[in-house]
Amino acid sequence: MADKLSKKLRAEIRVLQGLAWRRDLETALTGLEEQFKLWRKQSIDAFELSDLIHKFHNGKNRDLWKFYSDHQNSFSVPSAIAREVILVSEVSKELLEIIDRDIQQFRQIYAEQDVFDDNQSN
């Protein structure tokens, strides 16, 4: 796909990757936020919370970093659009025309595997 993209579209992809990364990270952090609430209520202790933070950092956070920090990953944006992390209205028509096939393929894959729910978990 990269060979089809102008400098302007490559810049748009980078912006959209950053947006999707932030949104996916924010979603993932809501689960960790719940653990902080349990800690404040003294339902878990500081050591348990620390362990959960460590697991988050080495798990979901690292997975997102690997997925989005690779600017050669030409599928992060179509995947994010298919999962509705990025709205179609946030993407230029020119870029949508180029990546529409990839978006449709991801939608099909996600529909078959029911991975929309997996996006919401830590």
PDB file of N, CA and C in Angstrom:
ATOM      1  N   MET A   1       0.825  -1.198   0.000  1.00  0.00           N
ATOM      2  CA  MET A   1       0.000   0.000   0.000  1.00  0.00           C
ATOM      3  C   MET A   1       0.862   1.252   0.000  1.00  0.00           C
ATOM      4  N   ALA A   2       2.007   1.249   0.689  1.00  0.00           N
ATOM      5  CA  ALA A   2       2.830   2.446   0.831  1.00  0.00           C
ATOM      6  C   ALA A   2       3.227   3.044  -0.513  1.00  0.00           C
ATOM      7  N   ASP A   3       3.428   2.193  -1.519  1.00  0.00           N
ATOM      8  CA  ASP A   3       3.820   2.701  -2.826  1.00  0.00           C
ATOM      9  C   ASP A   3       2.694   3.478  -3.502  1.00  0.00           C
ATOM     10  N   LYS A   4       1.470   3.290  -3.048  1.00  0.00           N
ATOM     11  CA  LYS A   4       0.321   3.989  -3.621  1.00  0.00           C
ATOM     12  C   LYS A   4       0.078   5.344  -2.952  1.00  0.00           C
ATOM     13  N   LEU A   5       0.767   5.619  -1.870  1.00  0.00           N
ATOM     14  CA  LEU A   5       0.448   6.793  -1.068  1.00  0.00           C
ATOM     15  C   LEU A   5       1.372   7.967  -1.351  1.00  0.00           C
ATOM     16  N   SER A   6       0.764   9.119  -1.487  1.00  0.00           N
ATOM     17  CA  SER A   6       1.531  10.355  -1.613  1.00  0.00           C
ATOM     18  C   SER A   6       2.077  10.721  -0.238  1.00  0.00           C
ATOM     19  N   LYS A   7       2.945  11.705  -0.214  1.00  0.00           N
ATOM     20  CA  LYS A   7       3.498  12.192   1.051  1.00  0.00           C
ATOM     21  C   LYS A   7       2.366  12.664   1.982  1.00  0.00           C
ATOM     22  N   LYS A   8       1.393  13.326   1.408  1.00  0.00           N
ATOM     23  CA  LYS A   8       0.243  13.830   2.174  1.00  0.00           C
ATOM     24  C   LYS A   8      -0.541  12.670   2.805  1.00  0.00           C
ATOM     25  N   LEU A   9      -0.766  11.597   2.037  1.00  0.00           N
ATOM     26  CA  LEU A   9      -1.519  10.456   2.570  1.00  0.00           C
ATOM     27  C   LEU A   9      -0.707   9.666   3.600  1.00  0.00           C
ATOM     28  N   ARG A  10       0.601   9.585   3.394  1.00  0.00           N
ATOM     29  CA  ARG A  10       1.440   8.923   4.410  1.00  0.00           C
ATOM     30  C   ARG A  10       1.381   9.704   5.721  1.00  0.00           C
ATOM     31  N   ALA A  11       1.355  11.021   5.634  1.00  0.00           N
ATOM     32  CA  ALA A  11       1.230  11.852   6.835  1.00  0.00           C
ATOM     33  C   ALA A  11      -0.130  11.625   7.504  1.00  0.00           C
ATOM     34  N   GLU A  12      -1.174  11.521   6.701  1.00  0.00           N
ATOM     35  CA  GLU A  12      -2.507  11.254   7.245  1.00  0.00           C
ATOM     36  C   GLU A  12      -2.535   9.899   7.952  1.00  0.00           C
ATOM     37  N   ILE A  13      -1.896   8.898   7.356  1.00  0.00           N
ATOM     38  CA  ILE A  13      -1.823   7.572   7.988  1.00  0.00           C
ATOM     39  C   ILE A  13      -1.149   7.675   9.348  1.00  0.00           C
ATOM     40  N   ARG A  14      -0.052   8.425   9.432  1.00  0.00           N
ATOM     41  CA  ARG A  14       0.656   8.569  10.720  1.00  0.00           C
ATOM     42  C   ARG A  14      -0.237   9.234  11.767  1.00  0.00           C
ATOM     43  N   VAL A  15      -0.973  10.246  11.357  1.00  0.00           N
ATOM     44  CA  VAL A  15      -1.892  10.923  12.282  1.00  0.00           C
ATOM     45  C   VAL A  15      -2.978   9.952  12.743  1.00  0.00           C
ATOM     46  N   LEU A  16      -3.530   9.202  11.820  1.00  0.00           N
ATOM     47  CA  LEU A  16      -4.594   8.245  12.157  1.00  0.00           C
ATOM     48  C   LEU A  16      -4.059   7.104  13.027  1.00  0.00           C
ATOM     49  N   GLN A  17      -2.834   6.655  12.776  1.00  0.00           N
ATOM     50  CA  GLN A  17      -2.226   5.643  13.638  1.00  0.00           C
ATOM     51  C   GLN A  17      -2.129   6.161  15.068  1.00  0.00           C
ATOM     52  N   GLY A  18      -1.674   7.396  15.209  1.00  0.00           N
ATOM     53  CA  GLY A  18      -1.561   7.993  16.542  1.00  0.00           C
ATOM     54  C   GLY A  18      -2.910   8.110  17.226  1.00  0.00           C
ATOM     55  N   LEU A  19      -3.910   8.502  16.484  1.00  0.00           N
ATOM     56  CA  LEU A  19      -5.260   8.633  17.019  1.00  0.00           C
ATOM     57  C   LEU A  19      -5.799   7.275  17.472  1.00  0.00           C
ATOM     58  N   ALA A  20      -5.640   6.271  16.624  1.00  0.00           N
ATOM     59  CA  ALA A  20      -6.123   4.928  16.968  1.00  0.00           C
ATOM     60  C   ALA A  20      -5.377   4.377  18.169  1.00  0.00           C
ATOM     61  N   TRP A  21      -4.069   4.582  18.201  1.00  0.00           N
ATOM     62  CA  TRP A  21      -3.247   4.112  19.321  1.00  0.00           C
ATOM     63  C   TRP A  21      -3.734   4.736  20.621  1.00  0.00           C
ATOM     64  N   ARG A  22      -3.939   6.054  20.612  1.00  0.00           N
ATOM     65  CA  ARG A  22      -4.411   6.743  21.819  1.00  0.00           C
ATOM     66  C   ARG A  22      -5.767   6.202  22.262  1.00  0.00           C
ATOM     67  N   ARG A  23      -6.678   6.036  21.316  1.00  0.00           N
ATOM     68  CA  ARG A  23      -8.016   5.549  21.664  1.00  0.00           C
ATOM     69  C   ARG A  23      -7.986   4.112  22.184  1.00  0.00           C
ATOM     70  N   ASP A  24      -7.198   3.250  21.535  1.00  0.00           N
ATOM     71  CA  ASP A  24      -7.086   1.869  22.020  1.00  0.00           C
ATOM     72  C   ASP A  24      -6.440   1.837  23.408  1.00  0.00           C
ATOM     73  N   LEU A  25      -5.442   2.679  23.615  1.00  0.00           N
ATOM     74  CA  LEU A  25      -4.790   2.736  24.924  1.00  0.00           C
ATOM     75  C   LEU A  25      -5.750   3.259  25.988  1.00  0.00           C
ATOM     76  N   GLU A  26      -6.516   4.281  25.664  1.00  0.00           N
ATOM     77  CA  GLU A  26      -7.504   4.805  26.610  1.00  0.00           C
ATOM     78  C   GLU A  26      -8.523   3.739  26.987  1.00  0.00           C
ATOM     79  N   THR A  27      -8.968   2.968  26.000  1.00  0.00           N
ATOM     80  CA  THR A  27      -9.906   1.880  26.271  1.00  0.00           C
ATOM     81  C   THR A  27      -9.278   0.852  27.190  1.00  0.00           C
ATOM     82  N   ALA A  28      -8.050   0.484  26.904  1.00  0.00           N
ATOM     83  CA  ALA A  28      -7.360  -0.505  27.726  1.00  0.00           C
ATOM     84  C   ALA A  28      -7.131   0.010  29.143  1.00  0.00           C
ATOM     85  N   LEU A  29      -6.863   1.288  29.266  1.00  0.00           N
ATOM     86  CA  LEU A  29      -6.607   1.869  30.593  1.00  0.00           C
ATOM     87  C   LEU A  29      -7.854   1.903  31.472  1.00  0.00           C
ATOM     88  N   THR A  30      -9.039   1.862  30.877  1.00  0.00           N
ATOM     89  CA  THR A  30     -10.243   1.862  31.706  1.00  0.00           C
ATOM     90  C   THR A  30     -10.303   0.616  32.579  1.00  0.00           C
ATOM     91  N   GLY A  31      -9.804  -0.504  32.081  1.00  0.00           N
ATOM     92  CA  GLY A  31      -9.744  -1.713  32.901  1.00  0.00           C
ATOM     93  C   GLY A  31      -8.792  -1.552  34.060  1.00  0.00           C
ATOM     94  N   LEU A  32      -7.668  -0.908  33.817  1.00  0.00           N
ATOM     95  CA  LEU A  32      -6.707  -0.655  34.892  1.00  0.00           C
ATOM     96  C   LEU A  32      -7.279   0.353  35.889  1.00  0.00           C
ATOM     97  N   GLU A  33      -8.042   1.299  35.383  1.00  0.00           N
ATOM     98  CA  GLU A  33      -8.692   2.278  36.258  1.00  0.00           C
ATOM     99  C   GLU A  33      -9.601   1.583  37.272  1.00  0.00           C
ATOM    100  N   GLU A  34     -10.285   0.550  36.827  1.00  0.00           N
ATOM    101  CA  GLU A  34     -11.151  -0.212  37.740  1.00  0.00           C
ATOM    102  C   GLU A  34     -10.347  -0.845  38.865  1.00  0.00           C
ATOM    103  N   GLN A  35      -9.142  -1.267  38.556  1.00  0.00           N
ATOM    104  CA  GLN A  35      -8.287  -1.861  39.589  1.00  0.00           C
ATOM    105  C   GLN A  35      -7.854  -0.808  40.620  1.00  0.00           C
ATOM    106  N   PHE A  36      -7.615   0.416  40.162  1.00  0.00           N
ATOM    107  CA  PHE A  36      -7.298   1.496  41.087  1.00  0.00           C
ATOM    108  C   PHE A  36      -8.479   1.777  42.013  1.00  0.00           C
ATOM    109  N   LYS A  37      -9.687   1.693  41.498  1.00  0.00           N
ATOM    110  CA  LYS A  37     -10.879   1.885  42.326  1.00  0.00           C
ATOM    111  C   LYS A  37     -10.967   0.814  43.405  1.00  0.00           C
ATOM    112  N   LEU A  38     -10.654  -0.425  43.022  1.00  0.00           N
ATOM    113  CA  LEU A  38     -10.651  -1.508  44.013  1.00  0.00           C
ATOM    114  C   LEU A  38      -9.588  -1.272  45.078  1.00  0.00           C
ATOM    115  N   TRP A  39      -8.442  -0.766  44.662  1.00  0.00           N
ATOM    116  CA  TRP A  39      -7.372  -0.466  45.615  1.00  0.00           C
ATOM    117  C   TRP A  39      -7.794   0.651  46.580  1.00  0.00           C
ATOM    118  N   ARG A  40      -8.436   1.689  46.063  1.00  0.00           N
ATOM    119  CA  ARG A  40      -8.895   2.780  46.921  1.00  0.00           C
ATOM    120  C   ARG A  40      -9.947   2.304  47.920  1.00  0.00           C
ATOM    121  N   LYS A  41     -10.748   1.317  47.523  1.00  0.00           N
ATOM    122  CA  LYS A  41     -11.750   0.743  48.416  1.00  0.00           C
ATOM    123  C   LYS A  41     -11.144  -0.326  49.332  1.00  0.00           C
ATOM    124  N   GLN A  42      -9.846  -0.539  49.180  1.00  0.00           N
ATOM    125  CA  GLN A  42      -9.096  -1.539  49.939  1.00  0.00           C
ATOM    126  C   GLN A  42      -9.579  -2.963  49.659  1.00  0.00           C
ATOM    127  N   SER A  43     -10.118  -3.176  48.467  1.00  0.00           N
ATOM    128  CA  SER A  43     -10.501  -4.526  48.043  1.00  0.00           C
ATOM    129  C   SER A  43      -9.291  -5.307  47.559  1.00  0.00           C
ATOM    130  N   ILE A  44      -8.282  -4.585  47.089  1.00  0.00           N
ATOM    131  CA  ILE A  44      -6.989  -5.195  46.775  1.00  0.00           C
ATOM    132  C   ILE A  44      -5.915  -4.343  47.424  1.00  0.00           C
ATOM    133  N   ASP A  45      -4.762  -4.950  47.695  1.00  0.00           N
ATOM    134  CA  ASP A  45      -3.705  -4.163  48.342  1.00  0.00           C
ATOM    135  C   ASP A  45      -2.747  -3.573  47.305  1.00  0.00           C
ATOM    136  N   ALA A  46      -1.809  -2.788  47.788  1.00  0.00           N
ATOM    137  CA  ALA A  46      -0.874  -2.089  46.921  1.00  0.00           C
ATOM    138  C   ALA A  46      -0.028  -3.060  46.092  1.00  0.00           C
ATOM    139  N   PHE A  47       0.307  -4.204  46.671  1.00  0.00           N
ATOM    140  CA  PHE A  47       1.115  -5.176  45.936  1.00  0.00           C
ATOM    141  C   PHE A  47       0.331  -5.779  44.775  1.00  0.00           C
ATOM    142  N   GLU A  48      -0.938  -6.064  44.999  1.00  0.00           N
ATOM    143  CA  GLU A  48      -1.776  -6.587  43.912  1.00  0.00           C
ATOM    144  C   GLU A  48      -1.927  -5.548  42.806  1.00  0.00           C
ATOM    145  N   LEU A  49      -2.168  -4.312  43.200  1.00  0.00           N
ATOM    146  CA  LEU A  49      -2.293  -3.243  42.206  1.00  0.00           C
ATOM    147  C   LEU A  49      -0.997  -3.083  41.421  1.00  0.00           C
ATOM    148  N   SER A  50       0.114  -3.086  42.120  1.00  0.00           N
ATOM    149  CA  SER A  50       1.412  -2.973  41.455  1.00  0.00           C
ATOM    150  C   SER A  50       1.619  -4.108  40.460  1.00  0.00           C
ATOM    151  N   ASP A  51       1.233  -5.316  40.850  1.00  0.00           N
ATOM    152  CA  ASP A  51       1.355  -6.463  39.951  1.00  0.00           C
ATOM    153  C   ASP A  51       0.463  -6.276  38.719  1.00  0.00           C
ATOM    154  N   LEU A  52      -0.741  -5.776  38.914  1.00  0.00           N
ATOM    155  CA  LEU A  52      -1.652  -5.534  37.791  1.00  0.00           C
ATOM    156  C   LEU A  52      -1.102  -4.467  36.843  1.00  0.00           C
ATOM    157  N   ILE A  53      -0.496  -3.430  37.399  1.00  0.00           N
ATOM    158  CA  ILE A  53       0.126  -2.383  36.577  1.00  0.00           C
ATOM    159  C   ILE A  53       1.261  -2.987  35.755  1.00  0.00           C
ATOM    160  N   HIS A  54       2.069  -3.809  36.403  1.00  0.00           N
ATOM    161  CA  HIS A  54       3.187  -4.467  35.726  1.00  0.00           C
ATOM    162  C   HIS A  54       2.669  -5.358  34.589  1.00  0.00           C
ATOM    163  N   LYS A  55       1.634  -6.136  34.866  1.00  0.00           N
ATOM    164  CA  LYS A  55       1.064  -7.011  33.833  1.00  0.00           C
ATOM    165  C   LYS A  55       0.495  -6.195  32.683  1.00  0.00           C
ATOM    166  N   PHE A  56      -0.153  -5.082  32.992  1.00  0.00           N
ATOM    167  CA  PHE A  56      -0.685  -4.214  31.944  1.00  0.00           C
ATOM    168  C   PHE A  56       0.451  -3.674  31.073  1.00  0.00           C
ATOM    169  N   HIS A  57       1.501  -3.197  31.733  1.00  0.00           N
ATOM    170  CA  HIS A  57       2.626  -2.610  31.011  1.00  0.00           C
ATOM    171  C   HIS A  57       3.282  -3.630  30.084  1.00  0.00           C
ATOM    172  N   ASN A  58       3.487  -4.828  30.579  1.00  0.00           N
ATOM    173  CA  ASN A  58       4.154  -5.863  29.783  1.00  0.00           C
ATOM    174  C   ASN A  58       3.211  -6.620  28.863  1.00  0.00           C
ATOM    175  N   GLY A  59       1.910  -6.410  29.027  1.00  0.00           N
ATOM    176  CA  GLY A  59       0.911  -7.113  28.218  1.00  0.00           C
ATOM    177  C   GLY A  59       0.266  -6.199  27.201  1.00  0.00           C
ATOM    178  N   LYS A  60      -0.917  -5.717  27.538  1.00  0.00           N
ATOM    179  CA  LYS A  60      -1.723  -4.928  26.597  1.00  0.00           C
ATOM    180  C   LYS A  60      -0.987  -3.680  26.105  1.00  0.00           C
ATOM    181  N   ASN A  61      -0.340  -2.972  27.015  1.00  0.00           N
ATOM    182  CA  ASN A  61       0.379  -1.756  26.623  1.00  0.00           C
ATOM    183  C   ASN A  61       1.477  -2.078  25.612  1.00  0.00           C
ATOM    184  N   ARG A  62       2.225  -3.130  25.864  1.00  0.00           N
ATOM    185  CA  ARG A  62       3.306  -3.518  24.956  1.00  0.00           C
ATOM    186  C   ARG A  62       2.738  -3.986  23.609  1.00  0.00           C
ATOM    187  N   ASP A  63       1.635  -4.731  23.650  1.00  0.00           N
ATOM    188  CA  ASP A  63       1.000  -5.181  22.400  1.00  0.00           C
ATOM    189  C   ASP A  63       0.579  -3.990  21.543  1.00  0.00           C
ATOM    190  N   LEU A  64      -0.016  -2.990  22.179  1.00  0.00           N
ATOM    191  CA  LEU A  64      -0.433  -1.796  21.435  1.00  0.00           C
ATOM    192  C   LEU A  64       0.777  -1.053  20.889  1.00  0.00           C
ATOM    193  N   TRP A  65       1.824  -0.941  21.694  1.00  0.00           N
ATOM    194  CA  TRP A  65       3.035  -0.259  21.243  1.00  0.00           C
ATOM    195  C   TRP A  65       3.610  -0.963  20.017  1.00  0.00           C
ATOM    196  N   LYS A  66       3.709  -2.276  20.071  1.00  0.00           N
ATOM    197  CA  LYS A  66       4.244  -3.033  18.929  1.00  0.00           C
ATOM    198  C   LYS A  66       3.386  -2.822  17.681  1.00  0.00           C
ATOM    199  N   PHE A  67       2.077  -2.852  17.862  1.00  0.00           N
ATOM    200  CA  PHE A  67       1.164  -2.741  16.728  1.00  0.00           C
ATOM    201  C   PHE A  67       1.208  -1.364  16.090  1.00  0.00           C
ATOM    202  N   TYR A  68       1.203  -0.314  16.906  1.00  0.00           N
ATOM    203  CA  TYR A  68       1.088   1.034  16.371  1.00  0.00           C
ATOM    204  C   TYR A  68       2.413   1.746  16.133  1.00  0.00           C
ATOM    205  N   SER A  69       3.473   1.368  16.805  1.00  0.00           N
ATOM    206  CA  SER A  69       4.733   2.100  16.636  1.00  0.00           C
ATOM    207  C   SER A  69       5.451   1.718  15.352  1.00  0.00           C
ATOM    208  N   ASP A  70       5.089   0.603  14.767  1.00  0.00           N
ATOM    209  CA  ASP A  70       5.689   0.175  13.504  1.00  0.00           C
ATOM    210  C   ASP A  70       5.022   0.925  12.357  1.00  0.00           C
ATOM    211  N   HIS A  71       5.678   1.941  11.871  1.00  0.00           N
ATOM    212  CA  HIS A  71       5.080   2.752  10.800  1.00  0.00           C
ATOM    213  C   HIS A  71       5.031   2.004   9.475  1.00  0.00           C
ATOM    214  N   GLN A  72       5.666   0.854   9.423  1.00  0.00           N
ATOM    215  CA  GLN A  72       5.578   0.013   8.232  1.00  0.00           C
ATOM    216  C   GLN A  72       4.306  -0.838   8.261  1.00  0.00           C
ATOM    217  N   ASN A  73       3.598  -0.843   9.403  1.00  0.00           N
ATOM    218  CA  ASN A  73       2.369  -1.627   9.540  1.00  0.00           C
ATOM    219  C   ASN A  73       1.259  -0.929   8.761  1.00  0.00           C
ATOM    220  N   SER A  74       1.012  -1.404   7.574  1.00  0.00           N
ATOM    221  CA  SER A  74       0.023  -0.752   6.717  1.00  0.00           C
ATOM    222  C   SER A  74      -1.408  -1.156   7.066  1.00  0.00           C
ATOM    223  N   PHE A  75      -1.571  -2.033   8.041  1.00  0.00           N
ATOM    224  CA  PHE A  75      -2.908  -2.513   8.374  1.00  0.00           C
ATOM    225  C   PHE A  75      -3.479  -1.917   9.662  1.00  0.00           C
ATOM    226  N   SER A  76      -2.707  -1.131  10.376  1.00  0.00           N
ATOM    227  CA  SER A  76      -3.216  -0.599  11.641  1.00  0.00           C
ATOM    228  C   SER A  76      -4.414   0.329  11.432  1.00  0.00           C
ATOM    229  N   VAL A  77      -4.369   1.169  10.428  1.00  0.00           N
ATOM    230  CA  VAL A  77      -5.476   2.102  10.192  1.00  0.00           C
ATOM    231  C   VAL A  77      -6.708   1.386   9.635  1.00  0.00           C
ATOM    232  N   PRO A  78      -6.586   0.544   8.612  1.00  0.00           N
ATOM    233  CA  PRO A  78      -7.786  -0.187   8.173  1.00  0.00           C
ATOM    234  C   PRO A  78      -8.396  -1.041   9.286  1.00  0.00           C
ATOM    235  N   SER A  79      -7.552  -1.642  10.100  1.00  0.00           N
ATOM    236  CA  SER A  79      -8.039  -2.432  11.229  1.00  0.00           C
ATOM    237  C   SER A  79      -8.793  -1.555  12.218  1.00  0.00           C
ATOM    238  N   ALA A  80      -8.247  -0.392  12.519  1.00  0.00           N
ATOM    239  CA  ALA A  80      -8.904   0.522  13.457  1.00  0.00           C
ATOM    240  C   ALA A  80     -10.235   1.032  12.910  1.00  0.00           C
ATOM    241  N   ILE A  81     -10.305   1.259  11.624  1.00  0.00           N
ATOM    242  CA  ILE A  81     -11.565   1.699  11.017  1.00  0.00           C
ATOM    243  C   ILE A  81     -12.586   0.563  11.080  1.00  0.00           C
ATOM    244  N   ALA A  82     -12.148  -0.642  10.787  1.00  0.00           N
ATOM    245  CA  ALA A  82     -13.062  -1.789  10.838  1.00  0.00           C
ATOM    246  C   ALA A  82     -13.589  -2.021  12.246  1.00  0.00           C
ATOM    247  N   ARG A  83     -12.773  -1.737  13.260  1.00  0.00           N
ATOM    248  CA  ARG A  83     -13.195  -1.905  14.655  1.00  0.00           C
ATOM    249  C   ARG A  83     -13.921  -0.669  15.182  1.00  0.00           C
ATOM    250  N   GLU A  84     -14.054   0.345  14.340  1.00  0.00           N
ATOM    251  CA  GLU A  84     -14.712   1.610  14.662  1.00  0.00           C
ATOM    252  C   GLU A  84     -13.977   2.390  15.748  1.00  0.00           C
ATOM    253  N   VAL A  85     -12.670   2.191  15.833  1.00  0.00           N
ATOM    254  CA  VAL A  85     -11.818   3.007  16.696  1.00  0.00           C
ATOM    255  C   VAL A  85     -11.597   4.348  16.008  1.00  0.00           C
ATOM    256  N   ILE A  86     -11.472   4.297  14.701  1.00  0.00           N
ATOM    257  CA  ILE A  86     -11.445   5.497  13.863  1.00  0.00           C
ATOM    258  C   ILE A  86     -12.728   5.487  13.043  1.00  0.00           C
ATOM    259  N   LEU A  87     -13.404   6.607  13.008  1.00  0.00           N
ATOM    260  CA  LEU A  87     -14.636   6.716  12.233  1.00  0.00           C
ATOM    261  C   LEU A  87     -14.312   7.011  10.777  1.00  0.00           C
ATOM    262  N   VAL A  88     -15.119   6.495   9.893  1.00  0.00           N
ATOM    263  CA  VAL A  88     -14.935   6.742   8.459  1.00  0.00           C
ATOM    264  C   VAL A  88     -14.931   8.243   8.184  1.00  0.00           C
ATOM    265  N   SER A  89     -15.724   8.987   8.921  1.00  0.00           N
ATOM    266  CA  SER A  89     -15.804  10.437   8.714  1.00  0.00           C
ATOM    267  C   SER A  89     -14.506  11.158   9.082  1.00  0.00           C
ATOM    268  N   GLU A  90     -13.585  10.479   9.768  1.00  0.00           N
ATOM    269  CA  GLU A  90     -12.308  11.089  10.153  1.00  0.00           C
ATOM    270  C   GLU A  90     -11.207  10.847   9.121  1.00  0.00           C
ATOM    271  N   VAL A  91     -11.542  10.146   8.055  1.00  0.00           N
ATOM    272  CA  VAL A  91     -10.553   9.753   7.051  1.00  0.00           C
ATOM    273  C   VAL A  91     -10.888  10.455   5.733  1.00  0.00           C
ATOM    274  N   SER A  92      -9.853  10.918   5.058  1.00  0.00           N
ATOM    275  CA  SER A  92     -10.089  11.572   3.765  1.00  0.00           C
ATOM    276  C   SER A  92     -10.664  10.572   2.764  1.00  0.00           C
ATOM    277  N   LYS A  93     -11.457  11.092   1.840  1.00  0.00           N
ATOM    278  CA  LYS A  93     -12.043  10.243   0.805  1.00  0.00           C
ATOM    279  C   LYS A  93     -10.954   9.580  -0.037  1.00  0.00           C
ATOM    280  N   GLU A  94      -9.897  10.313  -0.277  1.00  0.00           N
ATOM    281  CA  GLU A  94      -8.794   9.784  -1.088  1.00  0.00           C
ATOM    282  C   GLU A  94      -8.155   8.562  -0.422  1.00  0.00           C
ATOM    283  N   LEU A  95      -7.916   8.660   0.863  1.00  0.00           N
ATOM    284  CA  LEU A  95      -7.324   7.528   1.575  1.00  0.00           C
ATOM    285  C   LEU A  95      -8.312   6.370   1.681  1.00  0.00           C
ATOM    286  N   LEU A  96      -9.572   6.683   1.945  1.00  0.00           N
ATOM    287  CA  LEU A  96     -10.589   5.630   2.024  1.00  0.00           C
ATOM    288  C   LEU A  96     -10.670   4.811   0.742  1.00  0.00           C
ATOM    289  N   GLU A  97     -10.565   5.474  -0.386  1.00  0.00           N
ATOM    290  CA  GLU A  97     -10.612   4.759  -1.664  1.00  0.00           C
ATOM    291  C   GLU A  97      -9.471   3.752  -1.769  1.00  0.00           C
ATOM    292  N   ILE A  98      -8.324   4.113  -1.255  1.00  0.00           N
ATOM    293  CA  ILE A  98      -7.148   3.248  -1.339  1.00  0.00           C
ATOM    294  C   ILE A  98      -7.230   2.074  -0.373  1.00  0.00           C
ATOM    295  N   ILE A  99      -7.760   2.319   0.829  1.00  0.00           N
ATOM    296  CA  ILE A  99      -7.736   1.269   1.862  1.00  0.00           C
ATOM    297  C   ILE A  99      -9.078   0.572   2.061  1.00  0.00           C
ATOM    298  N   ASP A 100     -10.065   0.920   1.254  1.00  0.00           N
ATOM    299  CA  ASP A 100     -11.402   0.348   1.441  1.00  0.00           C
ATOM    300  C   ASP A 100     -11.396  -1.182   1.406  1.00  0.00           C
ATOM    301  N   ARG A 101     -10.655  -1.749   0.489  1.00  0.00           N
ATOM    302  CA  ARG A 101     -10.610  -3.216   0.393  1.00  0.00           C
ATOM    303  C   ARG A 101     -10.077  -3.839   1.690  1.00  0.00           C
ATOM    304  N   ASP A 102      -9.026  -3.235   2.243  1.00  0.00           N
ATOM    305  CA  ASP A 102      -8.463  -3.730   3.506  1.00  0.00           C
ATOM    306  C   ASP A 102      -9.469  -3.589   4.651  1.00  0.00           C
ATOM    307  N   ILE A 103     -10.175  -2.478   4.684  1.00  0.00           N
ATOM    308  CA  ILE A 103     -11.192  -2.264   5.725  1.00  0.00           C
ATOM    309  C   ILE A 103     -12.247  -3.359   5.640  1.00  0.00           C
ATOM    310  N   GLN A 104     -12.723  -3.622   4.437  1.00  0.00           N
ATOM    311  CA  GLN A 104     -13.754  -4.649   4.260  1.00  0.00           C
ATOM    312  C   GLN A 104     -13.236  -6.026   4.669  1.00  0.00           C
ATOM    313  N   GLN A 105     -11.997  -6.327   4.358  1.00  0.00           N
ATOM    314  CA  GLN A 105     -11.421  -7.613   4.761  1.00  0.00           C
ATOM    315  C   GLN A 105     -11.347  -7.730   6.278  1.00  0.00           C
ATOM    316  N   PHE A 106     -10.927  -6.661   6.949  1.00  0.00           N
ATOM    317  CA  PHE A 106     -10.880  -6.686   8.415  1.00  0.00           C
ATOM    318  C   PHE A 106     -12.274  -6.812   9.015  1.00  0.00           C
ATOM    319  N   ARG A 107     -13.243  -6.129   8.445  1.00  0.00           N
ATOM    320  CA  ARG A 107     -14.616  -6.252   8.946  1.00  0.00           C
ATOM    321  C   ARG A 107     -15.094  -7.696   8.845  1.00  0.00           C
ATOM    322  N   GLN A 108     -14.781  -8.336   7.740  1.00  0.00           N
ATOM    323  CA  GLN A 108     -15.161  -9.735   7.553  1.00  0.00           C
ATOM    324  C   GLN A 108     -14.456 -10.629   8.580  1.00  0.00           C
ATOM    325  N   ILE A 109     -13.174 -10.428   8.751  1.00  0.00           N
ATOM    326  CA  ILE A 109     -12.413 -11.223   9.725  1.00  0.00           C
ATOM    327  C   ILE A 109     -12.980 -11.029  11.130  1.00  0.00           C
ATOM    328  N   TYR A 110     -13.214  -9.778  11.505  1.00  0.00           N
ATOM    329  CA  TYR A 110     -13.708  -9.494  12.852  1.00  0.00           C
ATOM    330  C   TYR A 110     -15.109 -10.035  13.054  1.00  0.00           C
ATOM    331  N   ALA A 111     -15.928  -9.988  12.036  1.00  0.00           N
ATOM    332  CA  ALA A 111     -17.287 -10.535  12.143  1.00  0.00           C
ATOM    333  C   ALA A 111     -17.234 -12.040  12.355  1.00  0.00           C
ATOM    334  N   GLU A 112     -16.329 -12.695  11.671  1.00  0.00           N
ATOM    335  CA  GLU A 112     -16.199 -14.154  11.793  1.00  0.00           C
ATOM    336  C   GLU A 112     -15.590 -14.572  13.127  1.00  0.00           C
ATOM    337  N   GLN A 113     -14.658 -13.766  13.630  1.00  0.00           N
ATOM    338  CA  GLN A 113     -13.960 -14.133  14.860  1.00  0.00           C
ATOM    339  C   GLN A 113     -14.524 -13.461  16.095  1.00  0.00           C
ATOM    340  N   ASP A 114     -15.446 -12.536  15.920  1.00  0.00           N
ATOM    341  CA  ASP A 114     -16.051 -11.812  17.035  1.00  0.00           C
ATOM    342  C   ASP A 114     -14.990 -11.177  17.924  1.00  0.00           C
ATOM    343  N   VAL A 115     -14.048 -10.450  17.296  1.00  0.00           N
ATOM    344  CA  VAL A 115     -12.975  -9.837  18.062  1.00  0.00           C
ATOM    345  C   VAL A 115     -13.280  -8.407  18.497  1.00  0.00           C
ATOM    346  N   PHE A 116     -14.445  -7.902  18.166  1.00  0.00           N
ATOM    347  CA  PHE A 116     -14.774  -6.567  18.647  1.00  0.00           C
ATOM    348  C   PHE A 116     -14.736  -6.529  20.165  1.00  0.00           C
ATOM    349  N   ASP A 117     -15.223  -7.573  20.819  1.00  0.00           N
ATOM    350  CA  ASP A 117     -15.218  -7.609  22.274  1.00  0.00           C
ATOM    351  C   ASP A 117     -13.805  -7.681  22.822  1.00  0.00           C
ATOM    352  N   ASP A 118     -12.893  -8.370  22.123  1.00  0.00           N
ATOM    353  CA  ASP A 118     -11.505  -8.488  22.566  1.00  0.00           C
ATOM    354  C   ASP A 118     -10.833  -7.137  22.626  1.00  0.00           C
ATOM    355  N   ASN A 119     -11.251  -6.216  21.774  1.00  0.00           N
ATOM    356  CA  ASN A 119     -10.688  -4.871  21.767  1.00  0.00           C
ATOM    357  C   ASN A 119     -10.965  -4.142  23.075  1.00  0.00           C
ATOM    358  N   GLN A 120     -11.988  -4.512  23.769  1.00  0.00           N
ATOM    359  CA  GLN A 120     -12.365  -3.824  25.004  1.00  0.00           C
ATOM    360  C   GLN A 120     -11.687  -4.376  26.245  1.00  0.00           C
ATOM    361  N   SER A 121     -10.985  -5.481  26.145  1.00  0.00           N
ATOM    362  CA  SER A 121     -10.398  -6.106  27.333  1.00  0.00           C
ATOM    363  C   SER A 121      -8.941  -5.696  27.491  1.00  0.00           C
ATOM    364  N   ASN A 122      -8.418  -5.993  28.672  1.00  0.00           N
ATOM    365  CA  ASN A 122      -7.001  -5.691  28.926  1.00  0.00           C
ATOM    366  C   ASN A 122      -6.218  -6.822  28.429  1.00  0.00           C
TER     367      ASN A 122
END
